[in-house]
N, C-alpha and C. Protein backbone atom coordinates (compact mmCIF):
# COMPACT_ATOMS: atom_id res chain seq x y z
N MET A 1 40.25 -11.31 22.55
CA MET A 1 39.51 -11.73 21.38
C MET A 1 40.44 -12.00 20.20
N LYS A 2 41.41 -11.10 20.03
CA LYS A 2 42.35 -11.25 18.94
C LYS A 2 43.20 -12.51 19.13
N ASN A 3 43.56 -12.79 20.35
CA ASN A 3 44.35 -14.00 20.64
C ASN A 3 43.56 -15.27 20.34
N LEU A 4 42.29 -15.25 20.63
CA LEU A 4 41.43 -16.40 20.36
C LEU A 4 41.35 -16.67 18.85
N ILE A 5 41.23 -15.62 18.06
CA ILE A 5 41.18 -15.77 16.60
C ILE A 5 42.51 -16.31 16.09
N ASN A 6 43.61 -15.78 16.64
CA ASN A 6 44.94 -16.27 16.23
C ASN A 6 45.12 -17.75 16.59
N ILE A 7 44.67 -18.14 17.74
CA ILE A 7 44.77 -19.54 18.17
C ILE A 7 43.92 -20.42 17.26
N LEU A 8 42.70 -19.99 16.96
CA LEU A 8 41.84 -20.76 16.06
C LEU A 8 42.44 -20.86 14.66
N LEU A 9 43.06 -19.80 14.17
CA LEU A 9 43.72 -19.84 12.87
C LEU A 9 44.90 -20.80 12.88
N ILE A 10 45.67 -20.79 13.93
CA ILE A 10 46.81 -21.71 14.05
C ILE A 10 46.32 -23.15 14.08
N ILE A 11 45.28 -23.40 14.85
CA ILE A 11 44.71 -24.77 14.92
C ILE A 11 44.19 -25.18 13.55
N ALA A 12 43.52 -24.27 12.85
CA ALA A 12 42.99 -24.58 11.52
C ALA A 12 44.12 -24.87 10.54
N ILE A 13 45.18 -24.08 10.61
CA ILE A 13 46.33 -24.30 9.72
C ILE A 13 47.00 -25.63 10.02
N ILE A 14 47.16 -25.96 11.28
CA ILE A 14 47.74 -27.26 11.66
C ILE A 14 46.86 -28.40 11.18
N PHE A 15 45.55 -28.26 11.37
CA PHE A 15 44.62 -29.29 10.94
C PHE A 15 44.67 -29.48 9.42
N LEU A 16 44.64 -28.38 8.68
CA LEU A 16 44.70 -28.47 7.22
C LEU A 16 46.04 -29.05 6.75
N GLY A 17 47.12 -28.68 7.40
CA GLY A 17 48.43 -29.24 7.07
C GLY A 17 48.46 -30.75 7.30
N TRP A 18 47.89 -31.17 8.42
CA TRP A 18 47.83 -32.60 8.73
C TRP A 18 47.01 -33.35 7.68
N GLN A 19 45.88 -32.78 7.29
CA GLN A 19 45.04 -33.40 6.27
C GLN A 19 45.77 -33.46 4.93
N PHE A 20 46.53 -32.41 4.60
CA PHE A 20 47.28 -32.40 3.36
C PHE A 20 48.34 -33.51 3.36
N ILE A 21 49.02 -33.69 4.46
CA ILE A 21 50.03 -34.75 4.56
C ILE A 21 49.38 -36.12 4.42
N ASN A 22 48.25 -36.34 5.07
CA ASN A 22 47.55 -37.62 4.95
C ASN A 22 47.10 -37.87 3.51
N LEU A 23 46.59 -36.84 2.85
CA LEU A 23 46.18 -37.00 1.45
C LEU A 23 47.38 -37.30 0.55
N TYR A 24 48.51 -36.68 0.81
CA TYR A 24 49.72 -36.92 0.03
C TYR A 24 50.18 -38.37 0.19
N ILE A 25 50.14 -38.88 1.41
CA ILE A 25 50.54 -40.27 1.67
C ILE A 25 49.59 -41.24 0.97
N LYS A 26 48.29 -40.98 1.07
CA LYS A 26 47.31 -41.84 0.40
C LYS A 26 47.48 -41.79 -1.12
N ASN A 27 47.74 -40.60 -1.65
CA ASN A 27 47.94 -40.45 -3.09
C ASN A 27 49.16 -41.23 -3.55
N ALA A 28 50.24 -41.18 -2.78
CA ALA A 28 51.45 -41.92 -3.14
C ALA A 28 51.19 -43.42 -3.16
N ALA A 29 50.44 -43.91 -2.17
CA ALA A 29 50.12 -45.34 -2.12
C ALA A 29 49.23 -45.73 -3.30
N LEU A 30 48.25 -44.90 -3.62
CA LEU A 30 47.36 -45.20 -4.75
C LEU A 30 48.11 -45.13 -6.07
N GLN A 31 49.05 -44.21 -6.20
CA GLN A 31 49.85 -44.11 -7.42
C GLN A 31 50.72 -45.36 -7.60
N LYS A 32 51.29 -45.84 -6.51
CA LYS A 32 52.11 -47.06 -6.57
C LYS A 32 51.24 -48.25 -6.98
N SER A 33 50.05 -48.33 -6.41
CA SER A 33 49.13 -49.41 -6.76
C SER A 33 48.69 -49.29 -8.21
N SER A 34 48.45 -48.09 -8.67
CA SER A 34 48.05 -47.86 -10.05
C SER A 34 49.17 -48.27 -11.01
N ASP A 35 50.40 -47.93 -10.69
CA ASP A 35 51.54 -48.31 -11.53
C ASP A 35 51.66 -49.81 -11.63
N LYS A 36 51.47 -50.51 -10.50
CA LYS A 36 51.55 -51.97 -10.50
C LYS A 36 50.45 -52.56 -11.37
N LEU A 37 49.25 -52.02 -11.25
CA LEU A 37 48.13 -52.52 -12.06
C LEU A 37 48.34 -52.26 -13.55
N GLU A 38 48.93 -51.12 -13.88
CA GLU A 38 49.21 -50.84 -15.29
C GLU A 38 50.26 -51.80 -15.83
N ALA A 39 51.27 -52.14 -15.02
CA ALA A 39 52.27 -53.12 -15.44
C ALA A 39 51.63 -54.49 -15.61
N ASP A 40 50.72 -54.84 -14.71
CA ASP A 40 50.00 -56.12 -14.84
C ASP A 40 49.16 -56.15 -16.12
N ILE A 41 48.52 -55.03 -16.43
CA ILE A 41 47.72 -54.95 -17.65
C ILE A 41 48.61 -55.14 -18.88
N LEU A 42 49.76 -54.50 -18.88
CA LEU A 42 50.69 -54.63 -20.00
C LEU A 42 51.15 -56.08 -20.16
N ASN A 43 51.49 -56.73 -19.04
CA ASN A 43 51.91 -58.13 -19.09
C ASN A 43 50.78 -59.03 -19.59
N LEU A 44 49.56 -58.76 -19.16
CA LEU A 44 48.43 -59.56 -19.61
C LEU A 44 48.14 -59.34 -21.10
N LYS A 45 48.34 -58.12 -21.59
CA LYS A 45 48.16 -57.86 -23.02
C LYS A 45 49.19 -58.63 -23.83
N ILE A 46 50.43 -58.67 -23.35
CA ILE A 46 51.48 -59.42 -24.04
C ILE A 46 51.15 -60.91 -24.01
N GLU A 47 50.72 -61.40 -22.86
CA GLU A 47 50.34 -62.81 -22.75
C GLU A 47 49.16 -63.13 -23.67
N ASN A 48 48.21 -62.22 -23.74
CA ASN A 48 47.05 -62.41 -24.61
C ASN A 48 47.47 -62.48 -26.08
N LYS A 49 48.42 -61.61 -26.47
CA LYS A 49 48.93 -61.62 -27.83
C LYS A 49 49.61 -62.96 -28.14
N ASN A 50 50.40 -63.45 -27.17
CA ASN A 50 51.07 -64.74 -27.35
C ASN A 50 50.07 -65.88 -27.46
N LEU A 51 49.03 -65.83 -26.65
CA LEU A 51 48.00 -66.88 -26.71
C LEU A 51 47.24 -66.82 -28.04
N ASP A 52 46.96 -65.62 -28.52
CA ASP A 52 46.32 -65.50 -29.83
C ASP A 52 47.20 -66.08 -30.93
N SER A 53 48.50 -65.83 -30.82
CA SER A 53 49.44 -66.38 -31.79
C SER A 53 49.44 -67.90 -31.74
N ASP A 54 49.44 -68.45 -30.52
CA ASP A 54 49.39 -69.92 -30.37
C ASP A 54 48.09 -70.49 -30.92
N ILE A 55 46.98 -69.81 -30.69
CA ILE A 55 45.69 -70.28 -31.21
C ILE A 55 45.72 -70.33 -32.73
N ASN A 56 46.26 -69.28 -33.33
CA ASN A 56 46.36 -69.26 -34.80
C ASN A 56 47.29 -70.35 -35.30
N TYR A 57 48.39 -70.59 -34.58
CA TYR A 57 49.33 -71.63 -34.98
C TYR A 57 48.70 -73.01 -34.90
N TYR A 58 48.04 -73.29 -33.78
CA TYR A 58 47.46 -74.62 -33.58
C TYR A 58 46.14 -74.83 -34.33
N ALA A 59 45.62 -73.78 -34.94
CA ALA A 59 44.40 -73.93 -35.74
C ALA A 59 44.70 -74.72 -37.02
N ASN A 60 45.94 -74.74 -37.44
CA ASN A 60 46.35 -75.48 -38.63
C ASN A 60 46.62 -76.94 -38.25
N PRO A 61 45.91 -77.90 -38.85
CA PRO A 61 46.10 -79.31 -38.49
C PRO A 61 47.54 -79.81 -38.72
N GLU A 62 48.23 -79.25 -39.70
CA GLU A 62 49.62 -79.66 -39.93
C GLU A 62 50.50 -79.28 -38.75
N ASN A 63 50.26 -78.12 -38.18
CA ASN A 63 51.03 -77.69 -37.02
C ASN A 63 50.69 -78.54 -35.80
N GLN A 64 49.43 -78.94 -35.68
CA GLN A 64 49.05 -79.82 -34.56
C GLN A 64 49.81 -81.14 -34.66
N GLU A 65 49.87 -81.70 -35.86
CA GLU A 65 50.57 -82.97 -36.06
C GLU A 65 52.06 -82.80 -35.81
N LYS A 66 52.61 -81.69 -36.27
CA LYS A 66 54.03 -81.41 -36.06
C LYS A 66 54.35 -81.36 -34.57
N GLU A 67 53.54 -80.66 -33.78
CA GLU A 67 53.76 -80.56 -32.34
C GLU A 67 53.57 -81.91 -31.66
N LEU A 68 52.59 -82.68 -32.11
CA LEU A 68 52.36 -84.00 -31.54
C LEU A 68 53.58 -84.89 -31.76
N LYS A 69 54.14 -84.83 -32.95
CA LYS A 69 55.32 -85.64 -33.26
C LYS A 69 56.54 -85.17 -32.47
N SER A 70 56.68 -83.88 -32.29
CA SER A 70 57.86 -83.38 -31.59
C SER A 70 57.81 -83.66 -30.08
N LYS A 71 56.62 -83.78 -29.52
CA LYS A 71 56.50 -83.97 -28.07
C LYS A 71 56.28 -85.42 -27.68
N THR A 72 55.90 -86.24 -28.61
CA THR A 72 55.68 -87.66 -28.32
C THR A 72 56.34 -88.49 -29.41
N ASN A 73 56.23 -89.78 -29.34
CA ASN A 73 56.76 -90.65 -30.38
C ASN A 73 55.69 -91.01 -31.39
N TYR A 74 54.78 -90.10 -31.63
CA TYR A 74 53.69 -90.34 -32.58
C TYR A 74 54.24 -90.40 -34.00
N ARG A 75 53.68 -91.30 -34.78
CA ARG A 75 54.01 -91.37 -36.21
C ARG A 75 52.79 -91.87 -36.96
N ASP A 76 52.72 -91.48 -38.21
CA ASP A 76 51.65 -91.98 -39.07
C ASP A 76 51.93 -93.43 -39.41
N SER A 77 50.90 -94.14 -39.87
CA SER A 77 51.06 -95.56 -40.18
C SER A 77 52.00 -95.78 -41.36
N ASP A 78 52.12 -94.82 -42.25
CA ASP A 78 53.01 -94.99 -43.40
C ASP A 78 54.41 -94.41 -43.17
N GLU A 79 54.69 -93.97 -41.96
CA GLU A 79 56.00 -93.41 -41.65
C GLU A 79 56.83 -94.42 -40.86
N LYS A 80 58.14 -94.32 -41.02
CA LYS A 80 59.05 -95.12 -40.22
C LYS A 80 59.81 -94.17 -39.30
N MET A 81 60.10 -94.67 -38.11
CA MET A 81 60.79 -93.84 -37.15
C MET A 81 62.22 -94.32 -36.99
N ILE A 82 63.14 -93.41 -37.02
CA ILE A 82 64.55 -93.72 -36.80
C ILE A 82 64.98 -92.95 -35.55
N ILE A 83 65.53 -93.67 -34.62
CA ILE A 83 66.03 -93.04 -33.39
C ILE A 83 67.54 -93.03 -33.47
N ILE A 84 68.13 -91.86 -33.40
CA ILE A 84 69.58 -91.72 -33.49
C ILE A 84 70.11 -91.45 -32.09
N ILE A 85 71.02 -92.30 -31.66
CA ILE A 85 71.63 -92.15 -30.35
C ILE A 85 73.05 -91.63 -30.57
N PRO A 86 73.41 -90.53 -29.93
CA PRO A 86 74.76 -90.00 -30.13
C PRO A 86 75.79 -90.96 -29.53
N PRO A 87 76.97 -91.00 -30.12
CA PRO A 87 78.00 -91.90 -29.58
C PRO A 87 78.38 -91.48 -28.16
N ALA A 88 78.72 -92.48 -27.36
CA ALA A 88 79.11 -92.20 -25.97
C ALA A 88 80.43 -91.45 -25.97
N ALA A 89 80.56 -90.56 -25.05
CA ALA A 89 81.81 -89.79 -24.93
C ALA A 89 82.90 -90.71 -24.41
N THR A 90 84.04 -90.65 -25.02
CA THR A 90 85.14 -91.49 -24.59
C THR A 90 86.15 -90.64 -23.82
N THR A 91 86.72 -91.26 -22.83
CA THR A 91 87.74 -90.55 -22.06
C THR A 91 89.04 -91.33 -22.20
N THR A 92 90.12 -90.62 -22.21
CA THR A 92 91.43 -91.26 -22.30
C THR A 92 92.20 -90.95 -21.04
N ASN A 93 92.77 -91.97 -20.48
CA ASN A 93 93.61 -91.80 -19.30
C ASN A 93 95.06 -91.91 -19.72
N GLN A 94 95.85 -90.93 -19.46
CA GLN A 94 97.25 -90.96 -19.85
C GLN A 94 98.13 -90.89 -18.64
């Protein structure tokens, strides 16, 4: 009878140990996933801040015109455009 109780206790301890190891592995995987999600949240908050800054910048019509001129050859009807071409690089053969 005593041997049977000892065997059942050993089996229970082995079972509980196995369950503890499985829980530890699952916890480690969930912690890694949680860390990745927190990093993603931080990156999205930074991106959101940058987008808010851009929205505020482009809300000003002067800034819209400035960006339009810098990215295209747009000009107002009363403006003249001057295109400056840098001089070609010269090489000397000696």
